[in-house]
Amino acid sequence: MLFTETAVFTKRVKELLDDDAYRLLQVRLMISPEAGDLIEGTGGLRKLRVAANGHGKRGGARVIYYHFISKSQIALLYI
């Protein structure tokens, strides 16, 4: 699975997740790319709640992403 990131995602993920948490997010998406809830009216964008540094999932962050099924690629758009 190939992961791509927008510039804003790259900047914000460094502020919100440590390396281990980010790696766990990637593993979770590799295992189950449809893990996140579909965002209606977006053509397939999904949102997934993750625990941010020092917070649980409820106080954490949401990752917005798109899974390109034919390319085995996930575009990480925003966190």
N, C-alpha and C. Protein backbone atom coordinates (compact mmCIF):
# COMPACT_ATOMS: atom_id res chain seq x y z
N MET A 1 0.85 -1.17 0.00
CA MET A 1 0.00 0.00 0.00
C MET A 1 0.90 1.24 0.00
N LEU A 2 0.59 2.15 -0.88
CA LEU A 2 1.33 3.40 -0.98
C LEU A 2 0.53 4.50 -0.30
N PHE A 3 1.19 5.28 0.55
CA PHE A 3 0.55 6.41 1.21
C PHE A 3 1.12 7.70 0.64
N THR A 4 0.23 8.63 0.29
CA THR A 4 0.65 9.97 -0.10
C THR A 4 0.02 10.95 0.87
N GLU A 5 0.64 12.11 1.03
CA GLU A 5 0.16 13.11 1.98
C GLU A 5 0.10 14.48 1.32
N THR A 6 -0.90 15.26 1.70
CA THR A 6 -0.90 16.65 1.31
C THR A 6 0.08 17.39 2.22
N ALA A 7 0.50 18.57 1.80
CA ALA A 7 1.44 19.36 2.60
C ALA A 7 0.84 19.70 3.97
N VAL A 8 -0.44 20.04 4.00
CA VAL A 8 -1.07 20.39 5.27
C VAL A 8 -1.17 19.17 6.18
N PHE A 9 -1.41 17.99 5.63
CA PHE A 9 -1.43 16.77 6.44
C PHE A 9 -0.06 16.54 7.06
N THR A 10 0.99 16.63 6.26
CA THR A 10 2.35 16.40 6.76
C THR A 10 2.68 17.34 7.91
N LYS A 11 2.32 18.60 7.77
CA LYS A 11 2.61 19.58 8.82
C LYS A 11 1.83 19.26 10.09
N ARG A 12 0.54 18.99 9.95
CA ARG A 12 -0.31 18.77 11.12
C ARG A 12 -0.06 17.42 11.80
N VAL A 13 0.27 16.39 11.03
CA VAL A 13 0.49 15.08 11.65
C VAL A 13 1.71 15.12 12.57
N LYS A 14 2.70 15.92 12.21
CA LYS A 14 3.89 16.06 13.06
C LYS A 14 3.55 16.73 14.39
N GLU A 15 2.54 17.60 14.37
CA GLU A 15 2.11 18.29 15.58
C GLU A 15 1.21 17.42 16.46
N LEU A 16 0.46 16.52 15.84
CA LEU A 16 -0.59 15.80 16.56
C LEU A 16 -0.26 14.36 16.94
N LEU A 17 0.57 13.68 16.14
CA LEU A 17 0.87 12.27 16.40
C LEU A 17 2.36 12.04 16.53
N ASP A 18 2.75 11.16 17.45
CA ASP A 18 4.16 10.76 17.48
C ASP A 18 4.37 9.68 16.41
N ASP A 19 5.61 9.29 16.20
CA ASP A 19 5.94 8.34 15.14
C ASP A 19 5.21 7.00 15.30
N ASP A 20 5.12 6.52 16.54
CA ASP A 20 4.45 5.23 16.78
C ASP A 20 2.96 5.31 16.46
N ALA A 21 2.31 6.38 16.86
CA ALA A 21 0.88 6.54 16.59
C ALA A 21 0.63 6.67 15.09
N TYR A 22 1.51 7.37 14.39
CA TYR A 22 1.35 7.52 12.94
C TYR A 22 1.54 6.18 12.24
N ARG A 23 2.51 5.41 12.69
CA ARG A 23 2.74 4.09 12.10
C ARG A 23 1.53 3.18 12.35
N LEU A 24 0.96 3.22 13.54
CA LEU A 24 -0.24 2.43 13.83
C LEU A 24 -1.41 2.83 12.93
N LEU A 25 -1.54 4.12 12.66
CA LEU A 25 -2.57 4.58 11.73
C LEU A 25 -2.36 3.98 10.35
N GLN A 26 -1.13 4.01 9.87
CA GLN A 26 -0.83 3.44 8.55
C GLN A 26 -1.12 1.94 8.51
N VAL A 27 -0.73 1.23 9.55
CA VAL A 27 -0.99 -0.22 9.60
C VAL A 27 -2.49 -0.48 9.62
N ARG A 28 -3.21 0.29 10.41
CA ARG A 28 -4.67 0.12 10.47
C ARG A 28 -5.31 0.32 9.09
N LEU A 29 -4.84 1.33 8.36
CA LEU A 29 -5.40 1.59 7.03
C LEU A 29 -4.96 0.54 6.02
N MET A 30 -3.76 -0.01 6.16
CA MET A 30 -3.32 -1.09 5.26
C MET A 30 -4.20 -2.33 5.45
N ILE A 31 -4.50 -2.65 6.70
CA ILE A 31 -5.30 -3.83 7.00
C ILE A 31 -6.76 -3.62 6.59
N SER A 32 -7.27 -2.44 6.84
CA SER A 32 -8.69 -2.16 6.57
C SER A 32 -8.86 -0.76 6.00
N PRO A 33 -8.64 -0.58 4.70
CA PRO A 33 -8.73 0.75 4.10
C PRO A 33 -10.12 1.39 4.22
N GLU A 34 -11.15 0.58 4.42
CA GLU A 34 -12.50 1.12 4.57
C GLU A 34 -12.87 1.31 6.04
N ALA A 35 -11.88 1.42 6.91
CA ALA A 35 -12.12 1.55 8.35
C ALA A 35 -12.88 2.82 8.69
N GLY A 36 -12.61 3.89 8.00
CA GLY A 36 -13.25 5.17 8.31
C GLY A 36 -14.66 5.26 7.77
N ASP A 37 -15.43 6.15 8.37
CA ASP A 37 -16.80 6.39 7.92
C ASP A 37 -16.78 7.20 6.63
N LEU A 38 -17.65 6.83 5.69
CA LEU A 38 -17.79 7.59 4.45
C LEU A 38 -18.36 8.97 4.75
N ILE A 39 -17.82 9.98 4.09
CA ILE A 39 -18.36 11.33 4.19
C ILE A 39 -19.29 11.52 3.00
N GLU A 40 -20.57 11.63 3.27
CA GLU A 40 -21.56 11.71 2.20
C GLU A 40 -21.32 12.90 1.28
N GLY A 41 -21.55 12.68 0.00
CA GLY A 41 -21.46 13.75 -0.99
C GLY A 41 -20.05 14.13 -1.41
N THR A 42 -19.05 13.30 -1.05
CA THR A 42 -17.66 13.64 -1.37
C THR A 42 -17.05 12.74 -2.42
N GLY A 43 -17.77 11.73 -2.86
CA GLY A 43 -17.22 10.83 -3.86
C GLY A 43 -16.28 9.78 -3.30
N GLY A 44 -16.33 9.56 -1.99
CA GLY A 44 -15.53 8.48 -1.42
C GLY A 44 -14.56 8.87 -0.32
N LEU A 45 -14.52 10.14 0.08
CA LEU A 45 -13.66 10.52 1.20
C LEU A 45 -14.14 9.83 2.47
N ARG A 46 -13.19 9.49 3.33
CA ARG A 46 -13.50 8.84 4.60
C ARG A 46 -12.86 9.61 5.74
N LYS A 47 -13.45 9.47 6.92
CA LYS A 47 -12.90 10.10 8.12
C LYS A 47 -12.70 9.02 9.18
N LEU A 48 -11.60 9.14 9.88
CA LEU A 48 -11.24 8.15 10.89
C LEU A 48 -10.72 8.90 12.11
N ARG A 49 -11.26 8.58 13.26
CA ARG A 49 -10.83 9.22 14.50
C ARG A 49 -9.60 8.50 15.05
N VAL A 50 -8.59 9.28 15.46
CA VAL A 50 -7.38 8.72 16.05
C VAL A 50 -7.05 9.49 17.33
N ALA A 51 -6.36 8.83 18.24
CA ALA A 51 -5.92 9.47 19.46
C ALA A 51 -4.70 10.33 19.15
N ALA A 52 -4.76 11.60 19.53
CA ALA A 52 -3.63 12.50 19.33
C ALA A 52 -2.74 12.45 20.58
N ASN A 53 -1.57 13.04 20.48
CA ASN A 53 -0.63 13.06 21.61
C ASN A 53 -1.31 13.57 22.87
N GLY A 54 -1.31 12.76 23.91
CA GLY A 54 -1.85 13.16 25.20
C GLY A 54 -3.36 13.16 25.30
N HIS A 55 -4.06 12.66 24.29
CA HIS A 55 -5.52 12.65 24.29
C HIS A 55 -6.00 11.28 23.86
N GLY A 56 -7.21 10.95 24.27
CA GLY A 56 -7.85 9.73 23.77
C GLY A 56 -8.50 10.02 22.43
N LYS A 57 -9.23 9.05 21.89
CA LYS A 57 -9.88 9.25 20.59
C LYS A 57 -10.88 10.40 20.63
N ARG A 58 -11.62 10.54 21.73
CA ARG A 58 -12.64 11.60 21.80
C ARG A 58 -12.00 12.97 21.77
N GLY A 59 -10.82 13.11 22.33
CA GLY A 59 -10.13 14.40 22.32
C GLY A 59 -9.03 14.44 21.28
N GLY A 60 -9.02 13.47 20.40
CA GLY A 60 -7.95 13.33 19.42
C GLY A 60 -8.21 14.08 18.14
N ALA A 61 -7.87 13.45 17.05
CA ALA A 61 -7.95 14.09 15.74
C ALA A 61 -8.72 13.20 14.78
N ARG A 62 -9.18 13.80 13.70
CA ARG A 62 -9.81 13.04 12.63
C ARG A 62 -8.92 13.10 11.41
N VAL A 63 -8.74 11.95 10.81
CA VAL A 63 -7.96 11.86 9.57
C VAL A 63 -8.96 11.77 8.42
N ILE A 64 -8.78 12.64 7.43
CA ILE A 64 -9.59 12.60 6.22
C ILE A 64 -8.71 11.99 5.13
N TYR A 65 -9.21 10.94 4.47
CA TYR A 65 -8.40 10.25 3.48
C TYR A 65 -9.25 9.70 2.35
N TYR A 66 -8.58 9.31 1.27
CA TYR A 66 -9.24 8.69 0.13
C TYR A 66 -8.46 7.45 -0.26
N HIS A 67 -9.17 6.33 -0.46
CA HIS A 67 -8.54 5.07 -0.85
C HIS A 67 -8.73 4.87 -2.35
N PHE A 68 -7.62 4.90 -3.09
CA PHE A 68 -7.65 4.60 -4.53
C PHE A 68 -7.52 3.09 -4.66
N ILE A 69 -8.63 2.40 -4.80
CA ILE A 69 -8.64 0.94 -4.80
C ILE A 69 -7.79 0.38 -5.93
N SER A 70 -7.95 0.91 -7.14
CA SER A 70 -7.25 0.37 -8.31
C SER A 70 -5.74 0.55 -8.23
N LYS A 71 -5.28 1.54 -7.45
CA LYS A 71 -3.85 1.81 -7.35
C LYS A 71 -3.23 1.31 -6.05
N SER A 72 -4.04 0.70 -5.19
CA SER A 72 -3.57 0.31 -3.85
C SER A 72 -2.87 1.48 -3.18
N GLN A 73 -3.55 2.61 -3.17
CA GLN A 73 -2.97 3.85 -2.65
C GLN A 73 -3.97 4.54 -1.74
N ILE A 74 -3.46 5.15 -0.68
CA ILE A 74 -4.29 5.95 0.21
C ILE A 74 -3.71 7.35 0.25
N ALA A 75 -4.54 8.33 -0.06
CA ALA A 75 -4.14 9.74 0.01
C ALA A 75 -4.61 10.29 1.35
N LEU A 76 -3.66 10.70 2.18
CA LEU A 76 -3.97 11.29 3.48
C LEU A 76 -4.10 12.79 3.25
N LEU A 77 -5.30 13.32 3.42
CA LEU A 77 -5.60 14.68 3.02
C LEU A 77 -5.52 15.69 4.15
N TYR A 78 -6.07 15.35 5.30
CA TYR A 78 -6.13 16.32 6.39
C TYR A 78 -6.23 15.59 7.72
N ILE A 79 -5.68 16.20 8.76
CA ILE A 79 -5.82 15.68 10.11
C ILE A 79 -6.11 16.84 11.04
